Amino acid sequence: MAALHTHKTITWHMIGHVQRRKARLVAADFDWVHSLDGLPLAERLGKSAAEAGKALPVLLECNVSGEASKEGLEASIWRQTQPNGRHSVAQWRHFGPTGVAGGGLMTMAPIVPA
C-alpha cells in the first residue's frame, strides 16, 4: 500500500532552552529552534544539522529586559563589533544548504502590572 502523504505534514518547532549536549538530537528531530542563546550552541547545532544534511532555521533568543531569571543574549551584543568589522551576531548566520540559518529573533517581554 502506498503512503497516504508523500510530503511532510508537520513542522516541528523546538521552543525552550536547548542544552548543548542535546544539539544532535534537536538538529535531527526538529525543523526550527526558537531559543538559540549562545555561540557554542550555534556551532553545535550547525555541525549537527550539517551532518544530518539539512539547514536548521533558528531564532536568536534575546533577553531585552535584562532580567537575570531569563535566558538569552544580552541586548548589548547587537552593538558589539568583531575585529573584522562585522557585528557579533553576523558571525552566527551560516546560510547555505546545511547548518544553522538565521531566521529571526525571539524575546519575552518583562512581567509588568496590568
PDB file of N, CA and C in Angstrom:
ATOM      1  N   MET A   1       0.842  -1.185   0.000  1.00  0.00           N
ATOM      2  CA  MET A   1       0.000   0.000   0.000  1.00  0.00           C
ATOM      3  C   MET A   1       0.883   1.243   0.000  1.00  0.00           C
ATOM      4  N   ALA A   2       0.547   2.197  -0.809  1.00  0.00           N
ATOM      5  CA  ALA A   2       1.322   3.447  -0.909  1.00  0.00           C
ATOM      6  C   ALA A   2       1.024   4.342   0.291  1.00  0.00           C
ATOM      7  N   ALA A   3       2.000   5.187   0.606  1.00  0.00           N
ATOM      8  CA  ALA A   3       1.826   6.142   1.700  1.00  0.00           C
ATOM      9  C   ALA A   3       0.697   7.106   1.368  1.00  0.00           C
ATOM     10  N   LEU A   4      -0.067   7.488   2.393  1.00  0.00           N
ATOM     11  CA  LEU A   4      -1.158   8.430   2.193  1.00  0.00           C
ATOM     12  C   LEU A   4      -0.654   9.815   1.839  1.00  0.00           C
ATOM     13  N   HIS A   5       0.466  10.207   2.459  1.00  0.00           N
ATOM     14  CA  HIS A   5       1.027  11.528   2.208  1.00  0.00           C
ATOM     15  C   HIS A   5       2.455  11.373   1.716  1.00  0.00           C
ATOM     16  N   THR A   6       2.758  11.984   0.614  1.00  0.00           N
ATOM     17  CA  THR A   6       4.122  11.920   0.094  1.00  0.00           C
ATOM     18  C   THR A   6       4.919  13.152   0.481  1.00  0.00           C
ATOM     19  N   HIS A   7       4.309  14.070   1.209  1.00  0.00           N
ATOM     20  CA  HIS A   7       5.009  15.265   1.662  1.00  0.00           C
ATOM     21  C   HIS A   7       4.931  15.344   3.179  1.00  0.00           C
ATOM     22  N   LYS A   8       5.807  16.100   3.744  1.00  0.00           N
ATOM     23  CA  LYS A   8       5.830  16.274   5.189  1.00  0.00           C
ATOM     24  C   LYS A   8       4.642  17.124   5.609  1.00  0.00           C
ATOM     25  N   THR A   9       3.897  16.681   6.616  1.00  0.00           N
ATOM     26  CA  THR A   9       2.695  17.406   7.014  1.00  0.00           C
ATOM     27  C   THR A   9       2.852  18.158   8.329  1.00  0.00           C
ATOM     28  N   ILE A  10       3.891  17.893   9.075  1.00  0.00           N
ATOM     29  CA  ILE A  10       4.094  18.557  10.359  1.00  0.00           C
ATOM     30  C   ILE A  10       5.463  19.231  10.364  1.00  0.00           C
ATOM     31  N   THR A  11       5.509  20.463  10.830  1.00  0.00           N
ATOM     32  CA  THR A  11       6.766  21.171  11.039  1.00  0.00           C
ATOM     33  C   THR A  11       6.981  21.243  12.537  1.00  0.00           C
ATOM     34  N   TRP A  12       8.088  20.668  13.019  1.00  0.00           N
ATOM     35  CA  TRP A  12       8.372  20.602  14.449  1.00  0.00           C
ATOM     36  C   TRP A  12       9.222  21.789  14.874  1.00  0.00           C
ATOM     37  N   HIS A  13       8.780  22.492  15.928  1.00  0.00           N
ATOM     38  CA  HIS A  13       9.465  23.659  16.469  1.00  0.00           C
ATOM     39  C   HIS A  13       9.955  23.338  17.874  1.00  0.00           C
ATOM     40  N   MET A  14      11.246  23.557  18.132  1.00  0.00           N
ATOM     41  CA  MET A  14      11.810  23.398  19.473  1.00  0.00           C
ATOM     42  C   MET A  14      11.703  24.746  20.159  1.00  0.00           C
ATOM     43  N   ILE A  15      10.885  24.806  21.205  1.00  0.00           N
ATOM     44  CA  ILE A  15      10.684  26.033  21.975  1.00  0.00           C
ATOM     45  C   ILE A  15      11.163  25.757  23.387  1.00  0.00           C
ATOM     46  N   GLY A  16      12.084  26.549  23.865  1.00  0.00           N
ATOM     47  CA  GLY A  16      12.634  26.353  25.203  1.00  0.00           C
ATOM     48  C   GLY A  16      14.137  26.159  25.139  1.00  0.00           C
ATOM     49  N   HIS A  17      14.741  26.105  26.301  1.00  0.00           N
ATOM     50  CA  HIS A  17      16.198  26.003  26.407  1.00  0.00           C
ATOM     51  C   HIS A  17      16.704  24.696  25.797  1.00  0.00           C
ATOM     52  N   VAL A  18      17.780  24.793  25.023  1.00  0.00           N
ATOM     53  CA  VAL A  18      18.425  23.610  24.429  1.00  0.00           C
ATOM     54  C   VAL A  18      19.795  23.459  25.063  1.00  0.00           C
ATOM     55  N   GLN A  19      20.044  22.312  25.660  1.00  0.00           N
ATOM     56  CA  GLN A  19      21.367  22.021  26.206  1.00  0.00           C
ATOM     57  C   GLN A  19      22.284  21.633  25.057  1.00  0.00           C
ATOM     58  N   ARG A  20      23.541  22.073  25.131  1.00  0.00           N
ATOM     59  CA  ARG A  20      24.484  21.756  24.051  1.00  0.00           C
ATOM     60  C   ARG A  20      24.626  20.258  23.835  1.00  0.00           C
ATOM     61  N   ARG A  21      24.567  19.479  24.899  1.00  0.00           N
ATOM     62  CA  ARG A  21      24.728  18.034  24.736  1.00  0.00           C
ATOM     63  C   ARG A  21      23.539  17.395  24.018  1.00  0.00           C
ATOM     64  N   LYS A  22      22.448  18.126  23.873  1.00  0.00           N
ATOM     65  CA  LYS A  22      21.256  17.631  23.173  1.00  0.00           C
ATOM     66  C   LYS A  22      21.164  18.169  21.744  1.00  0.00           C
ATOM     67  N   ALA A  23      22.157  18.923  21.302  1.00  0.00           N
ATOM     68  CA  ALA A  23      22.107  19.575  19.988  1.00  0.00           C
ATOM     69  C   ALA A  23      21.932  18.582  18.845  1.00  0.00           C
ATOM     70  N   ARG A  24      22.600  17.465  18.901  1.00  0.00           N
ATOM     71  CA  ARG A  24      22.499  16.470  17.819  1.00  0.00           C
ATOM     72  C   ARG A  24      21.059  15.974  17.687  1.00  0.00           C
ATOM     73  N   LEU A  25      20.424  15.670  18.818  1.00  0.00           N
ATOM     74  CA  LEU A  25      19.043  15.185  18.794  1.00  0.00           C
ATOM     75  C   LEU A  25      18.090  16.267  18.288  1.00  0.00           C
ATOM     76  N   VAL A  26      18.291  17.493  18.755  1.00  0.00           N
ATOM     77  CA  VAL A  26      17.428  18.599  18.335  1.00  0.00           C
ATOM     78  C   VAL A  26      17.579  18.853  16.838  1.00  0.00           C
ATOM     79  N   ALA A  27      18.801  18.886  16.340  1.00  0.00           N
ATOM     80  CA  ALA A  27      19.040  19.139  14.919  1.00  0.00           C
ATOM     81  C   ALA A  27      18.428  18.043  14.048  1.00  0.00           C
ATOM     82  N   ALA A  28      18.447  16.825  14.526  1.00  0.00           N
ATOM     83  CA  ALA A  28      17.896  15.710  13.753  1.00  0.00           C
ATOM     84  C   ALA A  28      16.368  15.687  13.760  1.00  0.00           C
ATOM     85  N   ASP A  29      15.764  16.053  14.890  1.00  0.00           N
ATOM     86  CA  ASP A  29      14.323  15.854  15.067  1.00  0.00           C
ATOM     87  C   ASP A  29      13.448  17.086  14.866  1.00  0.00           C
ATOM     88  N   PHE A  30      14.034  18.282  14.855  1.00  0.00           N
ATOM     89  CA  PHE A  30      13.221  19.488  14.761  1.00  0.00           C
ATOM     90  C   PHE A  30      13.511  20.244  13.477  1.00  0.00           C
ATOM     91  N   ASP A  31      12.523  21.033  13.047  1.00  0.00           N
ATOM     92  CA  ASP A  31      12.642  21.837  11.830  1.00  0.00           C
ATOM     93  C   ASP A  31      13.004  23.288  12.124  1.00  0.00           C
ATOM     94  N   TRP A  32      12.749  23.746  13.356  1.00  0.00           N
ATOM     95  CA  TRP A  32      13.055  25.106  13.801  1.00  0.00           C
ATOM     96  C   TRP A  32      13.510  25.042  15.239  1.00  0.00           C
ATOM     97  N   VAL A  33      14.419  25.936  15.624  1.00  0.00           N
ATOM     98  CA  VAL A  33      14.798  26.119  17.024  1.00  0.00           C
ATOM     99  C   VAL A  33      14.509  27.572  17.374  1.00  0.00           C
ATOM    100  N   HIS A  34      13.696  27.775  18.412  1.00  0.00           N
ATOM    101  CA  HIS A  34      13.259  29.121  18.790  1.00  0.00           C
ATOM    102  C   HIS A  34      14.092  29.732  19.904  1.00  0.00           C
ATOM    103  N   SER A  35      15.173  29.096  20.300  1.00  0.00           N
ATOM    104  CA  SER A  35      15.861  29.577  21.505  1.00  0.00           C
ATOM    105  C   SER A  35      17.375  29.418  21.429  1.00  0.00           C
ATOM    106  N   LEU A  36      17.969  29.929  20.378  1.00  0.00           N
ATOM    107  CA  LEU A  36      19.422  29.900  20.263  1.00  0.00           C
ATOM    108  C   LEU A  36      19.991  31.017  21.134  1.00  0.00           C
ATOM    109  N   ASP A  37      20.705  30.633  22.201  1.00  0.00           N
ATOM    110  CA  ASP A  37      21.119  31.629  23.195  1.00  0.00           C
ATOM    111  C   ASP A  37      22.622  31.788  23.355  1.00  0.00           C
ATOM    112  N   GLY A  38      23.408  31.255  22.446  1.00  0.00           N
ATOM    113  CA  GLY A  38      24.843  31.430  22.550  1.00  0.00           C
ATOM    114  C   GLY A  38      25.585  30.839  21.361  1.00  0.00           C
ATOM    115  N   LEU A  39      26.782  31.343  21.124  1.00  0.00           N
ATOM    116  CA  LEU A  39      27.591  30.881  20.003  1.00  0.00           C
ATOM    117  C   LEU A  39      27.981  29.403  20.134  1.00  0.00           C
ATOM    118  N   PRO A  40      28.338  28.890  21.328  1.00  0.00           N
ATOM    119  CA  PRO A  40      28.657  27.461  21.426  1.00  0.00           C
ATOM    120  C   PRO A  40      27.493  26.573  20.969  1.00  0.00           C
ATOM    121  N   LEU A  41      26.268  26.941  21.340  1.00  0.00           N
ATOM    122  CA  LEU A  41      25.107  26.158  20.903  1.00  0.00           C
ATOM    123  C   LEU A  41      24.916  26.292  19.396  1.00  0.00           C
ATOM    124  N   ALA A  42      25.123  27.487  18.852  1.00  0.00           N
ATOM    125  CA  ALA A  42      25.001  27.694  17.405  1.00  0.00           C
ATOM    126  C   ALA A  42      25.965  26.793  16.656  1.00  0.00           C
ATOM    127  N   GLU A  43      27.198  26.703  17.145  1.00  0.00           N
ATOM    128  CA  GLU A  43      28.197  25.859  16.493  1.00  0.00           C
ATOM    129  C   GLU A  43      27.807  24.386  16.553  1.00  0.00           C
ATOM    130  N   ARG A  44      27.322  23.939  17.708  1.00  0.00           N
ATOM    131  CA  ARG A  44      26.904  22.531  17.838  1.00  0.00           C
ATOM    132  C   ARG A  44      25.708  22.223  16.960  1.00  0.00           C
ATOM    133  N   LEU A  45      24.707  23.093  16.984  1.00  0.00           N
ATOM    134  CA  LEU A  45      23.523  22.868  16.146  1.00  0.00           C
ATOM    135  C   LEU A  45      23.898  22.888  14.671  1.00  0.00           C
ATOM    136  N   GLY A  46      24.760  23.835  14.278  1.00  0.00           N
ATOM    137  CA  GLY A  46      25.178  23.924  12.879  1.00  0.00           C
ATOM    138  C   GLY A  46      25.900  22.677  12.421  1.00  0.00           C
ATOM    139  N   LYS A  47      26.811  22.189  13.239  1.00  0.00           N
ATOM    140  CA  LYS A  47      27.557  20.968  12.892  1.00  0.00           C
ATOM    141  C   LYS A  47      26.617  19.766  12.809  1.00  0.00           C
ATOM    142  N   SER A  48      25.706  19.668  13.763  1.00  0.00           N
ATOM    143  CA  SER A  48      24.773  18.542  13.783  1.00  0.00           C
ATOM    144  C   SER A  48      23.802  18.601  12.611  1.00  0.00           C
ATOM    145  N   ALA A  49      23.327  19.804  12.281  1.00  0.00           N
ATOM    146  CA  ALA A  49      22.429  19.949  11.137  1.00  0.00           C
ATOM    147  C   ALA A  49      23.153  19.595   9.843  1.00  0.00           C
ATOM    148  N   ALA A  50      24.406  20.030   9.712  1.00  0.00           N
ATOM    149  CA  ALA A  50      25.187  19.701   8.518  1.00  0.00           C
ATOM    150  C   ALA A  50      25.378  18.195   8.398  1.00  0.00           C
ATOM    151  N   GLU A  51      25.647  17.538   9.519  1.00  0.00           N
ATOM    152  CA  GLU A  51      25.788  16.072   9.500  1.00  0.00           C
ATOM    153  C   GLU A  51      24.488  15.399   9.088  1.00  0.00           C
ATOM    154  N   ALA A  52      23.355  16.015   9.446  1.00  0.00           N
ATOM    155  CA  ALA A  52      22.044  15.475   9.069  1.00  0.00           C
ATOM    156  C   ALA A  52      21.660  15.879   7.645  1.00  0.00           C
ATOM    157  N   GLY A  53      22.502  16.725   7.016  1.00  0.00           N
ATOM    158  CA  GLY A  53      22.254  17.139   5.636  1.00  0.00           C
ATOM    159  C   GLY A  53      21.109  18.116   5.478  1.00  0.00           C
ATOM    160  N   LYS A  54      20.928  18.972   6.485  1.00  0.00           N
ATOM    161  CA  LYS A  54      19.815  19.911   6.396  1.00  0.00           C
ATOM    162  C   LYS A  54      20.204  21.274   6.936  1.00  0.00           C
ATOM    163  N   ALA A  55      19.414  22.266   6.562  1.00  0.00           N
ATOM    164  CA  ALA A  55      19.538  23.603   7.143  1.00  0.00           C
ATOM    165  C   ALA A  55      18.562  23.658   8.309  1.00  0.00           C
ATOM    166  N   LEU A  56      18.978  24.261   9.399  1.00  0.00           N
ATOM    167  CA  LEU A  56      18.142  24.367  10.588  1.00  0.00           C
ATOM    168  C   LEU A  56      17.885  25.840  10.883  1.00  0.00           C
ATOM    169  N   PRO A  57      16.699  26.349  10.554  1.00  0.00           N
ATOM    170  CA  PRO A  57      16.394  27.737  10.874  1.00  0.00           C
ATOM    171  C   PRO A  57      16.318  27.930  12.388  1.00  0.00           C
ATOM    172  N   VAL A  58      16.861  29.039  12.856  1.00  0.00           N
ATOM    173  CA  VAL A  58      16.868  29.326  14.291  1.00  0.00           C
ATOM    174  C   VAL A  58      16.415  30.764  14.537  1.00  0.00           C
ATOM    175  N   LEU A  59      15.888  30.972  15.730  1.00  0.00           N
ATOM    176  CA  LEU A  59      15.586  32.315  16.212  1.00  0.00           C
ATOM    177  C   LEU A  59      16.561  32.598  17.339  1.00  0.00           C
ATOM    178  N   LEU A  60      17.224  33.741  17.287  1.00  0.00           N
ATOM    179  CA  LEU A  60      18.129  34.136  18.354  1.00  0.00           C
ATOM    180  C   LEU A  60      17.303  34.603  19.545  1.00  0.00           C
ATOM    181  N   GLU A  61      17.535  33.995  20.693  1.00  0.00           N
ATOM    182  CA  GLU A  61      16.800  34.359  21.900  1.00  0.00           C
ATOM    183  C   GLU A  61      17.475  35.555  22.543  1.00  0.00           C
ATOM    184  N   CYS A  62      16.747  36.652  22.672  1.00  0.00           N
ATOM    185  CA  CYS A  62      17.303  37.896  23.187  1.00  0.00           C
ATOM    186  C   CYS A  62      16.629  38.268  24.501  1.00  0.00           C
ATOM    187  N   ASN A  63      17.434  38.559  25.498  1.00  0.00           N
ATOM    188  CA  ASN A  63      16.934  39.000  26.795  1.00  0.00           C
ATOM    189  C   ASN A  63      16.941  40.525  26.795  1.00  0.00           C
ATOM    190  N   VAL A  64      15.927  41.109  26.186  1.00  0.00           N
ATOM    191  CA  VAL A  64      15.889  42.564  26.046  1.00  0.00           C
ATOM    192  C   VAL A  64      15.536  43.281  27.343  1.00  0.00           C
ATOM    193  N   SER A  65      14.946  42.564  28.299  1.00  0.00           N
ATOM    194  CA  SER A  65      14.574  43.194  29.568  1.00  0.00           C
ATOM    195  C   SER A  65      15.727  43.211  30.561  1.00  0.00           C
ATOM    196  N   GLY A  66      16.758  42.386  30.307  1.00  0.00           N
ATOM    197  CA  GLY A  66      17.894  42.320  31.215  1.00  0.00           C
ATOM    198  C   GLY A  66      17.618  41.548  32.495  1.00  0.00           C
ATOM    199  N   GLU A  67      16.531  40.803  32.530  1.00  0.00           N
ATOM    200  CA  GLU A  67      16.181  40.041  33.724  1.00  0.00           C
ATOM    201  C   GLU A  67      17.110  38.840  33.884  1.00  0.00           C
ATOM    202  N   ALA A  68      17.672  38.689  35.082  1.00  0.00           N
ATOM    203  CA  ALA A  68      18.583  37.576  35.348  1.00  0.00           C
ATOM    204  C   ALA A  68      17.876  36.234  35.288  1.00  0.00           C
ATOM    205  N   SER A  69      16.573  36.214  35.503  1.00  0.00           N
ATOM    206  CA  SER A  69      15.821  34.966  35.514  1.00  0.00           C
ATOM    207  C   SER A  69      15.520  34.439  34.116  1.00  0.00           C
ATOM    208  N   LYS A  70      15.849  35.216  33.070  1.00  0.00           N
ATOM    209  CA  LYS A  70      15.556  34.810  31.700  1.00  0.00           C
ATOM    210  C   LYS A  70      16.835  34.435  30.958  1.00  0.00           C
ATOM    211  N   GLU A  71      16.711  33.444  30.095  1.00  0.00           N
ATOM    212  CA  GLU A  71      17.812  33.028  29.230  1.00  0.00           C
ATOM    213  C   GLU A  71      17.934  34.030  28.085  1.00  0.00           C
ATOM    214  N   GLY A  72      18.981  33.896  27.302  1.00  0.00           N
ATOM    215  CA  GLY A  72      19.100  34.681  26.085  1.00  0.00           C
ATOM    216  C   GLY A  72      20.286  35.616  26.073  1.00  0.00           C
ATOM    217  N   LEU A  73      20.525  36.153  24.907  1.00  0.00           N
ATOM    218  CA  LEU A  73      21.621  37.088  24.688  1.00  0.00           C
ATOM    219  C   LEU A  73      21.264  38.443  25.248  1.00  0.00           C
ATOM    220  N   GLU A  74      22.245  39.112  25.798  1.00  0.00           N
ATOM    221  CA  GLU A  74      22.025  40.477  26.282  1.00  0.00           C
ATOM    222  C   GLU A  74      21.844  41.398  25.080  1.00  0.00           C
ATOM    223  N   ALA A  75      21.053  42.421  25.255  1.00  0.00           N
ATOM    224  CA  ALA A  75      20.788  43.360  24.162  1.00  0.00           C
ATOM    225  C   ALA A  75      22.067  44.016  23.660  1.00  0.00           C
ATOM    226  N   SER A  76      23.081  44.150  24.520  1.00  0.00           N
ATOM    227  CA  SER A  76      24.319  44.829  24.124  1.00  0.00           C
ATOM    228  C   SER A  76      25.076  44.085  23.024  1.00  0.00           C
ATOM    229  N   ILE A  77      24.796  42.800  22.809  1.00  0.00           N
ATOM    230  CA  ILE A  77      25.523  42.045  21.779  1.00  0.00           C
ATOM    231  C   ILE A  77      25.272  42.617  20.390  1.00  0.00           C
ATOM    232  N   TRP A  78      24.150  43.279  20.199  1.00  0.00           N
ATOM    233  CA  TRP A  78      23.834  43.837  18.890  1.00  0.00           C
ATOM    234  C   TRP A  78      24.768  44.984  18.530  1.00  0.00           C
ATOM    235  N   ARG A  79      25.364  45.601  19.541  1.00  0.00           N
ATOM    236  CA  ARG A  79      26.249  46.743  19.283  1.00  0.00           C
ATOM    237  C   ARG A  79      27.725  46.356  19.246  1.00  0.00           C
ATOM    238  N   GLN A  80      28.044  45.126  19.639  1.00  0.00           N
ATOM    239  CA  GLN A  80      29.446  44.699  19.675  1.00  0.00           C
ATOM    240  C   GLN A  80      29.947  44.445  18.258  1.00  0.00           C
ATOM    241  N   THR A  81      31.187  44.787  18.032  1.00  0.00           N
ATOM    242  CA  THR A  81      31.800  44.599  16.719  1.00  0.00           C
ATOM    243  C   THR A  81      33.046  43.739  16.863  1.00  0.00           C
ATOM    244  N   GLN A  82      33.218  42.826  15.934  1.00  0.00           N
ATOM    245  CA  GLN A  82      34.373  41.945  15.908  1.00  0.00           C
ATOM    246  C   GLN A  82      35.564  42.670  15.259  1.00  0.00           C
ATOM    247  N   PRO A  83      36.795  42.146  15.413  1.00  0.00           N
ATOM    248  CA  PRO A  83      37.964  42.781  14.785  1.00  0.00           C
ATOM    249  C   PRO A  83      37.837  42.958  13.264  1.00  0.00           C
ATOM    250  N   ASN A  84      37.061  42.077  12.617  1.00  0.00           N
ATOM    251  CA  ASN A  84      36.899  42.185  11.163  1.00  0.00           C
ATOM    252  C   ASN A  84      35.839  43.213  10.770  1.00  0.00           C
ATOM    253  N   GLY A  85      35.286  43.932  11.768  1.00  0.00           N
ATOM    254  CA  GLY A  85      34.312  44.972  11.487  1.00  0.00           C
ATOM    255  C   GLY A  85      32.877  44.498  11.421  1.00  0.00           C
ATOM    256  N   ARG A  86      32.664  43.190  11.517  1.00  0.00           N
ATOM    257  CA  ARG A  86      31.298  42.661  11.475  1.00  0.00           C
ATOM    258  C   ARG A  86      30.714  42.648  12.877  1.00  0.00           C
ATOM    259  N   HIS A  87      29.416  42.774  12.951  1.00  0.00           N
ATOM    260  CA  HIS A  87      28.747  42.699  14.244  1.00  0.00           C
ATOM    261  C   HIS A  87      28.787  41.263  14.761  1.00  0.00           C
ATOM    262  N   SER A  88      28.799  41.104  16.076  1.00  0.00           N
ATOM    263  CA  SER A  88      28.888  39.795  16.705  1.00  0.00           C
ATOM    264  C   SER A  88      27.847  38.828  16.176  1.00  0.00           C
ATOM    265  N   VAL A  89      26.616  39.287  16.044  1.00  0.00           N
ATOM    266  CA  VAL A  89      25.537  38.395  15.639  1.00  0.00           C
ATOM    267  C   VAL A  89      25.725  37.909  14.205  1.00  0.00           C
ATOM    268  N   ALA A  90      26.370  38.698  13.366  1.00  0.00           N
ATOM    269  CA  ALA A  90      26.561  38.310  11.968  1.00  0.00           C
ATOM    270  C   ALA A  90      27.364  37.020  11.845  1.00  0.00           C
ATOM    271  N   GLN A  91      28.243  36.734  12.796  1.00  0.00           N
ATOM    272  CA  GLN A  91      29.054  35.515  12.690  1.00  0.00           C
ATOM    273  C   GLN A  91      28.231  34.260  12.957  1.00  0.00           C
ATOM    274  N   TRP A  92      27.036  34.400  13.490  1.00  0.00           N
ATOM    275  CA  TRP A  92      26.205  33.231  13.802  1.00  0.00           C
ATOM    276  C   TRP A  92      25.497  32.694  12.585  1.00  0.00           C
ATOM    277  N   ARG A  93      25.321  33.519  11.586  1.00  0.00           N
ATOM    278  CA  ARG A  93      24.491  33.137  10.454  1.00  0.00           C
ATOM    279  C   ARG A  93      25.306  32.346   9.446  1.00  0.00           C
ATOM    280  N   HIS A  94      24.899  31.117   9.220  1.00  0.00           N
ATOM    281  CA  HIS A  94      25.547  30.273   8.221  1.00  0.00           C
ATOM    282  C   HIS A  94      24.483  29.936   7.189  1.00  0.00           C
ATOM    283  N   PHE A  95      24.413  30.741   6.138  1.00  0.00           N
ATOM    284  CA  PHE A  95      23.412  30.467   5.124  1.00  0.00           C
ATOM    285  C   PHE A  95      23.989  29.505   4.107  1.00  0.00           C
ATOM    286  N   GLY A  96      23.217  28.573   3.704  1.00  0.00           N
ATOM    287  CA  GLY A  96      23.646  27.575   2.745  1.00  0.00           C
ATOM    288  C   GLY A  96      22.737  26.370   2.854  1.00  0.00           C
ATOM    289  N   PRO A  97      23.071  25.323   2.154  1.00  0.00           N
ATOM    290  CA  PRO A  97      22.193  24.155   2.144  1.00  0.00           C
ATOM    291  C   PRO A  97      22.159  23.407   3.475  1.00  0.00           C
ATOM    292  N   THR A  98      23.204  23.542   4.290  1.00  0.00           N
ATOM    293  CA  THR A  98      23.217  22.836   5.570  1.00  0.00           C
ATOM    294  C   THR A  98      23.736  23.756   6.665  1.00  0.00           C
ATOM    295  N   GLY A  99      23.448  23.426   7.893  1.00  0.00           N
ATOM    296  CA  GLY A  99      23.920  24.193   9.032  1.00  0.00           C
ATOM    297  C   GLY A  99      22.812  25.043   9.635  1.00  0.00           C
ATOM    298  N   VAL A 100      23.205  26.027  10.427  1.00  0.00           N
ATOM    299  CA  VAL A 100      22.260  26.922  11.085  1.00  0.00           C
ATOM    300  C   VAL A 100      21.956  28.079  10.155  1.00  0.00           C
ATOM    301  N   ALA A 101      20.692  28.399  10.012  1.00  0.00           N
ATOM    302  CA  ALA A 101      20.269  29.520   9.170  1.00  0.00           C
ATOM    303  C   ALA A 101      19.513  30.521  10.033  1.00  0.00           C
ATOM    304  N   GLY A 102      19.989  31.764  10.056  1.00  0.00           N
ATOM    305  CA  GLY A 102      19.324  32.785  10.855  1.00  0.00           C
ATOM    306  C   GLY A 102      17.916  33.033  10.359  1.00  0.00           C
ATOM    307  N   GLY A 103      16.947  32.874  11.257  1.00  0.00           N
ATOM    308  CA  GLY A 103      15.553  33.044  10.867  1.00  0.00           C
ATOM    309  C   GLY A 103      14.882  34.233  11.513  1.00  0.00           C
ATOM    310  N   GLY A 104      15.522  34.814  12.545  1.00  0.00           N
ATOM    311  CA  GLY A 104      14.911  35.958  13.199  1.00  0.00           C
ATOM    312  C   GLY A 104      15.254  36.015  14.673  1.00  0.00           C
ATOM    313  N   LEU A 105      14.432  36.744  15.423  1.00  0.00           N
ATOM    314  CA  LEU A 105      14.658  36.959  16.843  1.00  0.00           C
ATOM    315  C   LEU A 105      13.487  36.434  17.648  1.00  0.00           C
ATOM    316  N   MET A 106      13.759  36.049  18.898  1.00  0.00           N
ATOM    317  CA  MET A 106      12.726  35.647  19.836  1.00  0.00           C
ATOM    318  C   MET A 106      13.040  36.315  21.151  1.00  0.00           C
ATOM    319  N   THR A 107      12.037  36.891  21.792  1.00  0.00           N
ATOM    320  CA  THR A 107      12.240  37.518  23.085  1.00  0.00           C
ATOM    321  C   THR A 107      10.972  37.388  23.909  1.00  0.00           C
ATOM    322  N   MET A 108      11.123  37.563  25.193  1.00  0.00           N
ATOM    323  CA  MET A 108       9.979  37.552  26.113  1.00  0.00           C
ATOM    324  C   MET A 108       9.949  38.912  26.802  1.00  0.00           C
ATOM    325  N   ALA A 109       8.791  39.513  26.811  1.00  0.00           N
ATOM    326  CA  ALA A 109       8.642  40.810  27.470  1.00  0.00           C
ATOM    327  C   ALA A 109       8.670  40.627  28.984  1.00  0.00           C
ATOM    328  N   PRO A 110       9.100  41.645  29.711  1.00  0.00           N
ATOM    329  CA  PRO A 110       9.086  41.541  31.169  1.00  0.00           C
ATOM    330  C   PRO A 110       7.663  41.510  31.709  1.00  0.00           C
ATOM    331  N   ILE A 111       7.502  40.908  32.883  1.00  0.00           N
ATOM    332  CA  ILE A 111       6.196  40.899  33.535  1.00  0.00           C
ATOM    333  C   ILE A 111       5.976  42.260  34.183  1.00  0.00           C
ATOM    334  N   VAL A 112       4.878  42.881  33.830  1.00  0.00           N
ATOM    335  CA  VAL A 112       4.539  44.193  34.375  1.00  0.00           C
ATOM    336  C   VAL A 112       3.111  44.168  34.888  1.00  0.00           C
ATOM    337  N   PRO A 113       2.788  45.003  35.858  1.00  0.00           N
ATOM    338  CA  PRO A 113       1.406  45.044  36.333  1.00  0.00           C
ATOM    339  C   PRO A 113       0.453  45.480  35.216  1.00  0.00           C
ATOM    340  N   ALA A 114      -0.704  44.903  35.219  1.00  0.00           N
ATOM    341  CA  ALA A 114      -1.690  45.218  34.159  1.00  0.00           C
ATOM    342  C   ALA A 114      -2.331  46.554  34.350  1.00  0.00           C
TER     343      ALA A 114
END
